[in-house]
Amino acid sequence: MKLSKLFTLLLVAGLVFTGCSNDDDGPSTPIDEDARFTTADQMGRPAVNTVFISSSSKNSFNTTLPSNQSAAFRTEMETNLSGLSPAYANESDANALGQNRDAFIDLLATDVLNVSLTGKTTFFDGTNVLTGRALADDVISTELLLIFGGEDGTENPGLSDDNVDANDKMFLATFPYLAAPF
C-alpha cells in the first residue's frame, strides 16, 4: 500500500515538473492583445432578467453592457412590470423602497450587483438596500416584495413572498461557508 502511494506521488511530481520550464522570458504562447471577450450571461439581480425580458430578447440582454441596458430594454421591462403587478396600477403607486414604477424600472433595467465598500452587505433588510448580497439573503422574496408588495409590503400577499424561509442546510461558519451539497 505504501509503495503504491509513493509511486503515485512520484508520478504526479514528475508530471508537474515536466510541465514547468525555466523560461523567464514570459509565456511561451504570445498574448493576443487584440482579443475580444463577450459576456454570455449576466444576473446581478436574480430573476429580473428571467421575469422582465422576453425569451426572444434574452441573448441580446445578456450580451448588452449594463450601461446600455436601460436604453435598450426599459420599455420592455416597463410593459412587463405593468402587466404583472397590480401594485403599480396607478401612477402614484410605489414599492417598499418608495419607488414609483418609473424609478423601479430604472433600477431594474441595469442588471448589476451593487456592493457597499463601507457598510453592511445585504440585498435588502428594510434599511440597507442593494448594498451587495449575503449568502443568507432571501433575494427572490425581496424581489417579489418589491414587485408585488406595494408601499408597505402587504399588497398581494400571495405573490410577495416565495415562502422559502430557510435553506435545507446551515451555512458553515468558516470558508467556503456553503454546506456540502449532499
N, C-alpha and C. Protein backbone atom coordinates (compact mmCIF):
# COMPACT_ATOMS: atom_id res chain seq x y z
N MET A 1 0.83 -1.19 0.00
CA MET A 1 0.00 0.00 0.00
C MET A 1 0.87 1.25 0.00
N LYS A 2 1.93 1.25 0.85
CA LYS A 2 2.80 2.42 0.92
C LYS A 2 3.55 2.62 -0.38
N LEU A 3 3.91 1.52 -1.05
CA LEU A 3 4.63 1.60 -2.30
C LEU A 3 3.76 2.24 -3.39
N SER A 4 2.46 1.91 -3.42
CA SER A 4 1.58 2.50 -4.44
C SER A 4 1.37 3.99 -4.19
N LYS A 5 1.31 4.40 -2.92
CA LYS A 5 1.19 5.83 -2.62
C LYS A 5 2.45 6.57 -3.03
N LEU A 6 3.60 5.98 -2.78
CA LEU A 6 4.87 6.58 -3.16
C LEU A 6 4.96 6.69 -4.67
N PHE A 7 4.57 5.63 -5.38
CA PHE A 7 4.59 5.63 -6.83
C PHE A 7 3.68 6.74 -7.37
N THR A 8 2.48 6.86 -6.82
CA THR A 8 1.53 7.89 -7.26
C THR A 8 2.10 9.28 -7.03
N LEU A 9 2.72 9.50 -5.86
CA LEU A 9 3.33 10.79 -5.55
C LEU A 9 4.45 11.11 -6.53
N LEU A 10 5.29 10.14 -6.83
CA LEU A 10 6.39 10.37 -7.77
C LEU A 10 5.86 10.63 -9.18
N LEU A 11 4.82 9.92 -9.58
CA LEU A 11 4.22 10.12 -10.90
C LEU A 11 3.65 11.53 -11.02
N VAL A 12 2.90 11.97 -10.02
CA VAL A 12 2.33 13.32 -10.04
C VAL A 12 3.44 14.37 -10.04
N ALA A 13 4.44 14.20 -9.20
CA ALA A 13 5.56 15.15 -9.15
C ALA A 13 6.26 15.21 -10.49
N GLY A 14 6.45 14.06 -11.13
CA GLY A 14 7.09 14.02 -12.43
C GLY A 14 6.29 14.78 -13.47
N LEU A 15 4.99 14.61 -13.46
CA LEU A 15 4.15 15.32 -14.41
C LEU A 15 4.17 16.82 -14.17
N VAL A 16 4.15 17.24 -12.91
CA VAL A 16 4.19 18.66 -12.58
C VAL A 16 5.50 19.28 -13.05
N PHE A 17 6.61 18.62 -12.73
CA PHE A 17 7.91 19.19 -13.08
C PHE A 17 8.17 19.14 -14.58
N THR A 18 7.59 18.16 -15.27
CA THR A 18 7.74 18.09 -16.71
C THR A 18 7.04 19.27 -17.37
N GLY A 19 5.93 19.71 -16.80
CA GLY A 19 5.18 20.83 -17.37
C GLY A 19 5.79 22.18 -17.07
N CYS A 20 6.77 22.25 -16.19
CA CYS A 20 7.40 23.51 -15.83
C CYS A 20 8.59 23.77 -16.73
N SER A 21 8.92 25.01 -16.89
CA SER A 21 10.14 25.36 -17.64
C SER A 21 10.84 26.48 -16.89
N ASN A 22 12.08 26.68 -17.26
CA ASN A 22 12.83 27.76 -16.63
C ASN A 22 12.91 28.97 -17.54
N ASP A 23 11.96 29.09 -18.46
CA ASP A 23 11.90 30.20 -19.39
C ASP A 23 11.39 31.43 -18.66
N ASP A 24 12.26 32.38 -18.41
CA ASP A 24 11.88 33.59 -17.69
C ASP A 24 11.49 34.73 -18.63
N ASP A 25 11.38 34.43 -19.90
CA ASP A 25 11.07 35.47 -20.88
C ASP A 25 9.57 35.69 -21.07
N GLY A 26 8.75 35.07 -20.23
CA GLY A 26 7.31 35.25 -20.33
C GLY A 26 6.65 34.01 -20.85
N PRO A 27 5.37 34.11 -21.17
CA PRO A 27 4.63 32.94 -21.62
C PRO A 27 5.15 32.42 -22.95
N SER A 28 5.05 31.10 -23.16
CA SER A 28 5.53 30.52 -24.41
C SER A 28 4.54 30.79 -25.55
N THR A 29 3.29 31.09 -25.23
CA THR A 29 2.29 31.43 -26.24
C THR A 29 2.05 32.93 -26.15
N PRO A 30 2.21 33.64 -27.25
CA PRO A 30 2.01 35.10 -27.18
C PRO A 30 0.59 35.45 -26.78
N ILE A 31 0.43 36.52 -26.04
CA ILE A 31 -0.89 37.01 -25.64
C ILE A 31 -1.45 37.84 -26.77
N ASP A 32 -2.68 37.57 -27.15
CA ASP A 32 -3.34 38.31 -28.20
C ASP A 32 -3.89 39.61 -27.62
N GLU A 33 -3.18 40.70 -27.84
CA GLU A 33 -3.58 42.00 -27.30
C GLU A 33 -4.88 42.50 -27.91
N ASP A 34 -5.27 41.97 -29.07
CA ASP A 34 -6.48 42.41 -29.74
C ASP A 34 -7.67 41.48 -29.48
N ALA A 35 -7.51 40.54 -28.54
CA ALA A 35 -8.58 39.58 -28.26
C ALA A 35 -9.82 40.32 -27.79
N ARG A 36 -10.97 39.81 -28.18
CA ARG A 36 -12.24 40.38 -27.77
C ARG A 36 -12.98 39.34 -26.95
N PHE A 37 -13.55 39.76 -25.84
CA PHE A 37 -14.30 38.87 -24.99
C PHE A 37 -15.73 39.36 -24.94
N THR A 38 -16.66 38.45 -24.85
CA THR A 38 -18.06 38.82 -24.79
C THR A 38 -18.71 38.20 -23.57
N THR A 39 -19.72 38.87 -23.09
CA THR A 39 -20.50 38.36 -21.98
C THR A 39 -21.56 37.43 -22.53
N ALA A 40 -21.69 36.25 -21.96
CA ALA A 40 -22.68 35.29 -22.43
C ALA A 40 -23.93 35.30 -21.55
N ASP A 41 -23.78 35.69 -20.30
CA ASP A 41 -24.91 35.69 -19.38
C ASP A 41 -24.59 36.63 -18.24
N GLN A 42 -25.60 37.24 -17.69
CA GLN A 42 -25.40 38.08 -16.51
C GLN A 42 -26.65 38.03 -15.66
N MET A 43 -26.45 38.09 -14.37
CA MET A 43 -27.57 38.03 -13.46
C MET A 43 -27.17 38.67 -12.14
N GLY A 44 -26.91 39.96 -12.16
CA GLY A 44 -26.60 40.68 -10.93
C GLY A 44 -27.76 40.64 -9.96
N ARG A 45 -28.94 40.72 -10.50
CA ARG A 45 -30.16 40.61 -9.68
C ARG A 45 -30.95 39.41 -10.19
N PRO A 46 -30.86 38.29 -9.50
CA PRO A 46 -31.53 37.07 -9.97
C PRO A 46 -33.01 37.29 -10.23
N ALA A 47 -33.49 36.66 -11.26
CA ALA A 47 -34.89 36.63 -11.66
C ALA A 47 -35.34 37.88 -12.40
N VAL A 48 -34.62 38.98 -12.33
CA VAL A 48 -35.04 40.19 -13.04
C VAL A 48 -35.02 39.92 -14.55
N ASN A 49 -33.91 39.43 -15.03
CA ASN A 49 -33.77 39.07 -16.44
C ASN A 49 -34.81 38.00 -16.80
N THR A 50 -34.96 37.02 -15.96
CA THR A 50 -35.89 35.90 -16.21
C THR A 50 -37.33 36.37 -16.34
N VAL A 51 -37.74 37.30 -15.49
CA VAL A 51 -39.13 37.74 -15.46
C VAL A 51 -39.44 38.86 -16.44
N PHE A 52 -38.54 39.81 -16.57
CA PHE A 52 -38.88 41.03 -17.30
C PHE A 52 -38.38 41.10 -18.74
N ILE A 53 -37.56 40.15 -19.14
CA ILE A 53 -37.04 40.15 -20.51
C ILE A 53 -37.63 38.94 -21.25
N SER A 54 -38.20 39.18 -22.41
CA SER A 54 -38.83 38.09 -23.18
C SER A 54 -37.77 37.10 -23.65
N SER A 55 -38.19 35.89 -23.91
CA SER A 55 -37.25 34.86 -24.34
C SER A 55 -36.56 35.24 -25.64
N SER A 56 -37.23 35.96 -26.50
CA SER A 56 -36.61 36.36 -27.77
C SER A 56 -35.55 37.45 -27.58
N SER A 57 -35.56 38.11 -26.43
CA SER A 57 -34.59 39.18 -26.15
C SER A 57 -33.48 38.76 -25.18
N LYS A 58 -33.57 37.55 -24.63
CA LYS A 58 -32.63 37.13 -23.57
C LYS A 58 -31.17 37.22 -24.00
N ASN A 59 -30.84 36.66 -25.15
CA ASN A 59 -29.44 36.69 -25.59
C ASN A 59 -28.95 38.11 -25.78
N SER A 60 -29.79 38.94 -26.34
CA SER A 60 -29.41 40.34 -26.53
C SER A 60 -29.19 41.04 -25.18
N PHE A 61 -30.11 40.81 -24.23
CA PHE A 61 -29.96 41.41 -22.90
C PHE A 61 -28.67 40.93 -22.24
N ASN A 62 -28.42 39.63 -22.31
CA ASN A 62 -27.25 39.05 -21.65
C ASN A 62 -25.93 39.53 -22.23
N THR A 63 -25.92 39.98 -23.45
CA THR A 63 -24.67 40.44 -24.05
C THR A 63 -24.58 41.96 -24.15
N THR A 64 -25.59 42.66 -23.66
CA THR A 64 -25.57 44.12 -23.65
C THR A 64 -24.86 44.60 -22.39
N LEU A 65 -23.97 45.56 -22.56
CA LEU A 65 -23.30 46.14 -21.40
C LEU A 65 -24.33 46.74 -20.46
N PRO A 66 -24.16 46.57 -19.15
CA PRO A 66 -25.12 47.13 -18.20
C PRO A 66 -25.38 48.62 -18.42
N SER A 67 -24.38 49.37 -18.82
CA SER A 67 -24.57 50.81 -19.03
C SER A 67 -25.51 51.10 -20.21
N ASN A 68 -25.74 50.12 -21.08
CA ASN A 68 -26.63 50.30 -22.23
C ASN A 68 -27.97 49.59 -22.07
N GLN A 69 -28.15 48.83 -21.00
CA GLN A 69 -29.36 48.03 -20.84
C GLN A 69 -30.61 48.87 -20.68
N SER A 70 -30.54 49.94 -19.95
CA SER A 70 -31.73 50.75 -19.72
C SER A 70 -32.28 51.29 -21.03
N ALA A 71 -31.42 51.84 -21.86
CA ALA A 71 -31.88 52.39 -23.14
C ALA A 71 -32.47 51.31 -24.04
N ALA A 72 -31.88 50.11 -24.00
CA ALA A 72 -32.32 49.05 -24.89
C ALA A 72 -33.54 48.28 -24.39
N PHE A 73 -33.72 48.15 -23.07
CA PHE A 73 -34.74 47.24 -22.55
C PHE A 73 -35.74 47.88 -21.60
N ARG A 74 -35.64 49.15 -21.34
CA ARG A 74 -36.52 49.81 -20.37
C ARG A 74 -37.99 49.65 -20.74
N THR A 75 -38.33 49.89 -22.00
CA THR A 75 -39.72 49.83 -22.43
C THR A 75 -40.29 48.42 -22.25
N GLU A 76 -39.52 47.40 -22.62
CA GLU A 76 -39.98 46.02 -22.45
C GLU A 76 -40.18 45.69 -20.98
N MET A 77 -39.26 46.13 -20.14
CA MET A 77 -39.37 45.86 -18.70
C MET A 77 -40.58 46.58 -18.10
N GLU A 78 -40.80 47.80 -18.52
CA GLU A 78 -41.94 48.57 -18.00
C GLU A 78 -43.26 47.91 -18.41
N THR A 79 -43.34 47.48 -19.65
CA THR A 79 -44.55 46.80 -20.13
C THR A 79 -44.80 45.53 -19.32
N ASN A 80 -43.76 44.76 -19.08
CA ASN A 80 -43.91 43.50 -18.34
C ASN A 80 -44.23 43.74 -16.87
N LEU A 81 -43.63 44.74 -16.24
CA LEU A 81 -43.95 45.05 -14.85
C LEU A 81 -45.41 45.50 -14.74
N SER A 82 -45.83 46.38 -15.63
CA SER A 82 -47.22 46.87 -15.59
C SER A 82 -48.21 45.74 -15.81
N GLY A 83 -47.87 44.79 -16.68
CA GLY A 83 -48.76 43.67 -16.93
C GLY A 83 -48.78 42.64 -15.81
N LEU A 84 -47.68 42.54 -15.08
CA LEU A 84 -47.57 41.56 -14.00
C LEU A 84 -48.15 42.02 -12.68
N SER A 85 -47.85 43.24 -12.31
CA SER A 85 -48.12 43.66 -10.95
C SER A 85 -49.21 44.70 -10.81
N PRO A 86 -50.28 44.35 -10.10
CA PRO A 86 -51.31 45.34 -9.81
C PRO A 86 -50.83 46.38 -8.80
N ALA A 87 -49.69 46.14 -8.17
CA ALA A 87 -49.16 47.10 -7.19
C ALA A 87 -48.71 48.40 -7.85
N TYR A 88 -48.57 48.42 -9.16
CA TYR A 88 -48.17 49.63 -9.89
C TYR A 88 -49.27 50.10 -10.83
N ALA A 89 -50.52 49.81 -10.49
CA ALA A 89 -51.65 50.15 -11.36
C ALA A 89 -51.83 51.65 -11.52
N ASN A 90 -51.55 52.42 -10.47
CA ASN A 90 -51.72 53.87 -10.51
C ASN A 90 -50.36 54.55 -10.58
N GLU A 91 -50.35 55.72 -11.17
CA GLU A 91 -49.09 56.47 -11.33
C GLU A 91 -48.42 56.76 -9.99
N SER A 92 -49.21 56.93 -8.93
CA SER A 92 -48.64 57.27 -7.62
C SER A 92 -48.21 56.05 -6.80
N ASP A 93 -48.50 54.83 -7.29
CA ASP A 93 -48.12 53.62 -6.56
C ASP A 93 -46.60 53.51 -6.44
N ALA A 94 -46.17 52.94 -5.33
CA ALA A 94 -44.74 52.78 -5.09
C ALA A 94 -44.48 51.42 -4.45
N ASN A 95 -43.21 51.08 -4.34
CA ASN A 95 -42.84 49.81 -3.68
C ASN A 95 -42.29 50.10 -2.28
N ALA A 96 -41.81 49.08 -1.62
CA ALA A 96 -41.30 49.22 -0.24
C ALA A 96 -40.06 50.12 -0.16
N LEU A 97 -39.44 50.40 -1.30
CA LEU A 97 -38.31 51.34 -1.34
C LEU A 97 -38.79 52.77 -1.56
N GLY A 98 -40.11 52.94 -1.75
CA GLY A 98 -40.65 54.27 -2.04
C GLY A 98 -40.51 54.65 -3.50
N GLN A 99 -40.20 53.70 -4.35
CA GLN A 99 -40.02 53.98 -5.77
C GLN A 99 -41.32 53.77 -6.53
N ASN A 100 -41.66 54.73 -7.39
CA ASN A 100 -42.79 54.52 -8.27
C ASN A 100 -42.34 53.62 -9.42
N ARG A 101 -43.24 53.29 -10.33
CA ARG A 101 -42.93 52.36 -11.41
C ARG A 101 -41.71 52.81 -12.22
N ASP A 102 -41.64 54.09 -12.56
CA ASP A 102 -40.52 54.57 -13.38
C ASP A 102 -39.18 54.44 -12.66
N ALA A 103 -39.15 54.80 -11.40
CA ALA A 103 -37.90 54.70 -10.63
C ALA A 103 -37.48 53.24 -10.46
N PHE A 104 -38.46 52.37 -10.23
CA PHE A 104 -38.16 50.95 -10.06
C PHE A 104 -37.64 50.35 -11.36
N ILE A 105 -38.25 50.71 -12.48
CA ILE A 105 -37.77 50.22 -13.78
C ILE A 105 -36.36 50.73 -14.04
N ASP A 106 -36.08 51.98 -13.71
CA ASP A 106 -34.71 52.50 -13.87
C ASP A 106 -33.72 51.66 -13.07
N LEU A 107 -34.10 51.25 -11.88
CA LEU A 107 -33.25 50.41 -11.05
C LEU A 107 -33.08 49.03 -11.68
N LEU A 108 -34.17 48.42 -12.11
CA LEU A 108 -34.13 47.07 -12.67
C LEU A 108 -33.42 47.00 -14.01
N ALA A 109 -33.53 48.03 -14.81
CA ALA A 109 -33.05 47.99 -16.19
C ALA A 109 -31.54 47.91 -16.31
N THR A 110 -30.82 48.09 -15.24
CA THR A 110 -29.37 47.91 -15.26
C THR A 110 -29.06 46.74 -14.34
N ASP A 111 -28.75 45.59 -14.93
CA ASP A 111 -28.59 44.35 -14.17
C ASP A 111 -27.18 44.25 -13.59
N VAL A 112 -26.99 44.90 -12.47
CA VAL A 112 -25.70 44.86 -11.77
C VAL A 112 -25.95 44.55 -10.31
N LEU A 113 -24.92 44.05 -9.66
CA LEU A 113 -24.99 43.82 -8.23
C LEU A 113 -24.18 44.93 -7.57
N ASN A 114 -24.87 45.84 -6.91
CA ASN A 114 -24.19 46.92 -6.20
C ASN A 114 -23.48 46.33 -4.99
N VAL A 115 -22.39 46.94 -4.59
CA VAL A 115 -21.63 46.46 -3.44
C VAL A 115 -21.21 47.66 -2.60
N SER A 116 -21.55 47.63 -1.33
CA SER A 116 -21.10 48.67 -0.41
C SER A 116 -19.70 48.32 0.08
N LEU A 117 -18.80 49.25 -0.03
CA LEU A 117 -17.44 49.02 0.43
C LEU A 117 -17.26 49.44 1.89
N THR A 118 -18.26 50.12 2.44
CA THR A 118 -18.12 50.63 3.80
C THR A 118 -19.22 50.19 4.76
N GLY A 119 -20.34 49.76 4.24
CA GLY A 119 -21.46 49.42 5.11
C GLY A 119 -21.80 47.94 5.07
N LYS A 120 -22.97 47.63 5.56
CA LYS A 120 -23.44 46.26 5.61
C LYS A 120 -23.70 45.73 4.20
N THR A 121 -23.35 44.48 3.98
CA THR A 121 -23.60 43.84 2.70
C THR A 121 -24.91 43.07 2.80
N THR A 122 -25.91 43.53 2.08
CA THR A 122 -27.21 42.85 2.08
C THR A 122 -27.97 43.24 0.83
N PHE A 123 -28.87 42.38 0.43
CA PHE A 123 -29.72 42.68 -0.71
C PHE A 123 -30.82 43.65 -0.30
N PHE A 124 -31.43 43.37 0.85
CA PHE A 124 -32.47 44.26 1.38
C PHE A 124 -32.83 43.76 2.78
N ASP A 125 -32.71 44.61 3.76
CA ASP A 125 -33.11 44.22 5.12
C ASP A 125 -34.08 45.21 5.73
N GLY A 126 -34.69 46.03 4.89
CA GLY A 126 -35.64 47.04 5.36
C GLY A 126 -34.98 48.40 5.52
N THR A 127 -33.70 48.42 5.81
CA THR A 127 -32.95 49.66 5.96
C THR A 127 -31.89 49.77 4.87
N ASN A 128 -31.03 48.77 4.80
CA ASN A 128 -29.97 48.74 3.78
C ASN A 128 -30.55 48.10 2.52
N VAL A 129 -30.32 48.74 1.39
CA VAL A 129 -30.94 48.30 0.15
C VAL A 129 -29.89 48.13 -0.93
N LEU A 130 -29.84 46.94 -1.50
CA LEU A 130 -28.98 46.64 -2.63
C LEU A 130 -27.54 47.08 -2.40
N THR A 131 -27.01 46.72 -1.24
CA THR A 131 -25.62 47.04 -0.91
C THR A 131 -24.72 45.82 -1.08
N GLY A 132 -25.20 44.83 -1.80
CA GLY A 132 -24.49 43.59 -2.02
C GLY A 132 -25.45 42.45 -1.84
N ARG A 133 -24.89 41.28 -1.57
CA ARG A 133 -25.74 40.13 -1.36
C ARG A 133 -25.02 39.16 -0.44
N ALA A 134 -25.58 38.94 0.73
CA ALA A 134 -25.02 37.96 1.66
C ALA A 134 -25.64 36.60 1.36
N LEU A 135 -24.96 35.54 1.74
CA LEU A 135 -25.46 34.19 1.46
C LEU A 135 -26.87 33.97 1.99
N ALA A 136 -27.16 34.48 3.16
CA ALA A 136 -28.46 34.23 3.80
C ALA A 136 -29.57 35.14 3.28
N ASP A 137 -29.27 36.11 2.44
CA ASP A 137 -30.31 37.00 1.92
C ASP A 137 -31.32 36.23 1.08
N ASP A 138 -32.59 36.48 1.33
CA ASP A 138 -33.66 35.85 0.56
C ASP A 138 -33.96 36.75 -0.63
N VAL A 139 -33.15 36.63 -1.65
CA VAL A 139 -33.20 37.53 -2.79
C VAL A 139 -34.53 37.44 -3.54
N ILE A 140 -35.02 36.24 -3.75
CA ILE A 140 -36.26 36.09 -4.52
C ILE A 140 -37.45 36.68 -3.75
N SER A 141 -37.55 36.44 -2.46
CA SER A 141 -38.64 37.06 -1.68
C SER A 141 -38.53 38.57 -1.70
N THR A 142 -37.32 39.10 -1.64
CA THR A 142 -37.14 40.55 -1.71
C THR A 142 -37.63 41.08 -3.04
N GLU A 143 -37.26 40.42 -4.13
CA GLU A 143 -37.70 40.89 -5.43
C GLU A 143 -39.22 40.79 -5.58
N LEU A 144 -39.80 39.70 -5.08
CA LEU A 144 -41.25 39.58 -5.13
C LEU A 144 -41.92 40.68 -4.31
N LEU A 145 -41.37 40.99 -3.14
CA LEU A 145 -41.90 42.07 -2.30
C LEU A 145 -41.86 43.41 -3.05
N LEU A 146 -40.74 43.69 -3.72
CA LEU A 146 -40.61 44.96 -4.44
C LEU A 146 -41.51 45.02 -5.67
N ILE A 147 -41.78 43.88 -6.26
CA ILE A 147 -42.63 43.85 -7.46
C ILE A 147 -44.12 43.88 -7.08
N PHE A 148 -44.52 43.09 -6.09
CA PHE A 148 -45.94 42.91 -5.79
C PHE A 148 -46.41 43.50 -4.47
N GLY A 149 -45.51 43.83 -3.56
CA GLY A 149 -45.89 44.18 -2.19
C GLY A 149 -46.42 45.57 -1.97
N GLY A 150 -46.26 46.47 -2.93
CA GLY A 150 -46.73 47.83 -2.74
C GLY A 150 -45.90 48.61 -1.74
N GLU A 151 -46.42 49.75 -1.30
CA GLU A 151 -45.69 50.66 -0.44
C GLU A 151 -45.26 50.05 0.89
N ASP A 152 -46.14 49.28 1.50
CA ASP A 152 -45.80 48.73 2.83
C ASP A 152 -45.55 47.23 2.82
N GLY A 153 -45.49 46.65 1.63
CA GLY A 153 -45.19 45.22 1.51
C GLY A 153 -46.37 44.30 1.74
N THR A 154 -47.56 44.85 1.96
CA THR A 154 -48.71 44.00 2.29
C THR A 154 -49.67 43.76 1.13
N GLU A 155 -49.52 44.50 0.04
CA GLU A 155 -50.39 44.27 -1.11
C GLU A 155 -50.05 42.91 -1.72
N ASN A 156 -51.01 42.23 -2.21
CA ASN A 156 -50.81 40.97 -2.91
C ASN A 156 -49.96 39.98 -2.12
N PRO A 157 -50.37 39.65 -0.90
CA PRO A 157 -49.54 38.81 -0.03
C PRO A 157 -49.24 37.44 -0.62
N GLY A 158 -50.12 36.91 -1.44
CA GLY A 158 -49.86 35.60 -2.04
C GLY A 158 -48.77 35.63 -3.10
N LEU A 159 -48.43 36.84 -3.57
CA LEU A 159 -47.42 36.98 -4.61
C LEU A 159 -46.11 37.58 -4.11
N SER A 160 -46.11 38.15 -2.93
CA SER A 160 -44.94 38.93 -2.49
C SER A 160 -43.98 38.16 -1.58
N ASP A 161 -44.06 36.84 -1.58
CA ASP A 161 -43.12 36.04 -0.80
C ASP A 161 -43.06 34.65 -1.40
N ASP A 162 -41.87 34.08 -1.52
CA ASP A 162 -41.77 32.72 -2.06
C ASP A 162 -42.00 31.66 -0.98
N ASN A 163 -42.12 32.10 0.28
CA ASN A 163 -42.39 31.21 1.42
C ASN A 163 -41.34 30.12 1.62
N VAL A 164 -40.14 30.39 1.17
CA VAL A 164 -39.00 29.52 1.46
C VAL A 164 -38.16 30.31 2.46
N ASP A 165 -38.30 29.96 3.73
CA ASP A 165 -37.71 30.78 4.78
C ASP A 165 -36.38 30.29 5.31
N ALA A 166 -35.89 29.18 4.82
CA ALA A 166 -34.60 28.66 5.30
C ALA A 166 -33.99 27.75 4.25
N ASN A 167 -32.69 27.60 4.33
CA ASN A 167 -32.01 26.64 3.47
C ASN A 167 -32.20 25.24 4.01
N ASP A 168 -31.97 24.26 3.19
CA ASP A 168 -32.07 22.89 3.66
C ASP A 168 -30.88 22.51 4.55
N LYS A 169 -29.80 23.26 4.44
CA LYS A 169 -28.62 23.04 5.29
C LYS A 169 -28.10 24.39 5.78
N MET A 170 -27.53 24.39 6.95
CA MET A 170 -26.97 25.61 7.52
C MET A 170 -25.68 25.99 6.80
N PHE A 171 -25.43 27.29 6.70
CA PHE A 171 -24.16 27.73 6.16
C PHE A 171 -23.07 27.42 7.16
N LEU A 172 -21.86 27.22 6.66
CA LEU A 172 -20.72 26.97 7.53
C LEU A 172 -20.22 28.28 8.11
N ALA A 173 -19.58 28.24 9.26
CA ALA A 173 -19.05 29.44 9.90
C ALA A 173 -17.69 29.83 9.34
N THR A 174 -17.08 28.94 8.58
CA THR A 174 -15.75 29.20 8.01
C THR A 174 -15.80 28.95 6.50
N PHE A 175 -14.79 29.44 5.82
CA PHE A 175 -14.69 29.27 4.37
C PHE A 175 -14.71 27.79 4.03
N PRO A 176 -15.46 27.35 3.06
CA PRO A 176 -16.11 28.10 1.98
C PRO A 176 -17.54 28.54 2.29
N TYR A 177 -17.99 28.44 3.50
CA TYR A 177 -19.29 28.91 4.00
C TYR A 177 -20.50 28.11 3.50
N LEU A 178 -20.45 27.60 2.30
CA LEU A 178 -21.57 26.81 1.79
C LEU A 178 -21.48 25.40 2.33
N ALA A 179 -22.60 24.83 2.66
CA ALA A 179 -22.64 23.45 3.14
C ALA A 179 -22.37 22.50 1.99
N ALA A 180 -21.94 21.31 2.31
CA ALA A 180 -21.74 20.28 1.30
C ALA A 180 -23.08 20.01 0.60
N PRO A 181 -23.06 19.71 -0.70
CA PRO A 181 -24.32 19.57 -1.43
C PRO A 181 -25.18 18.38 -0.98
N PHE A 182 -24.56 17.34 -0.42
CA PHE A 182 -25.35 16.16 -0.03
C PHE A 182 -25.02 15.76 1.37
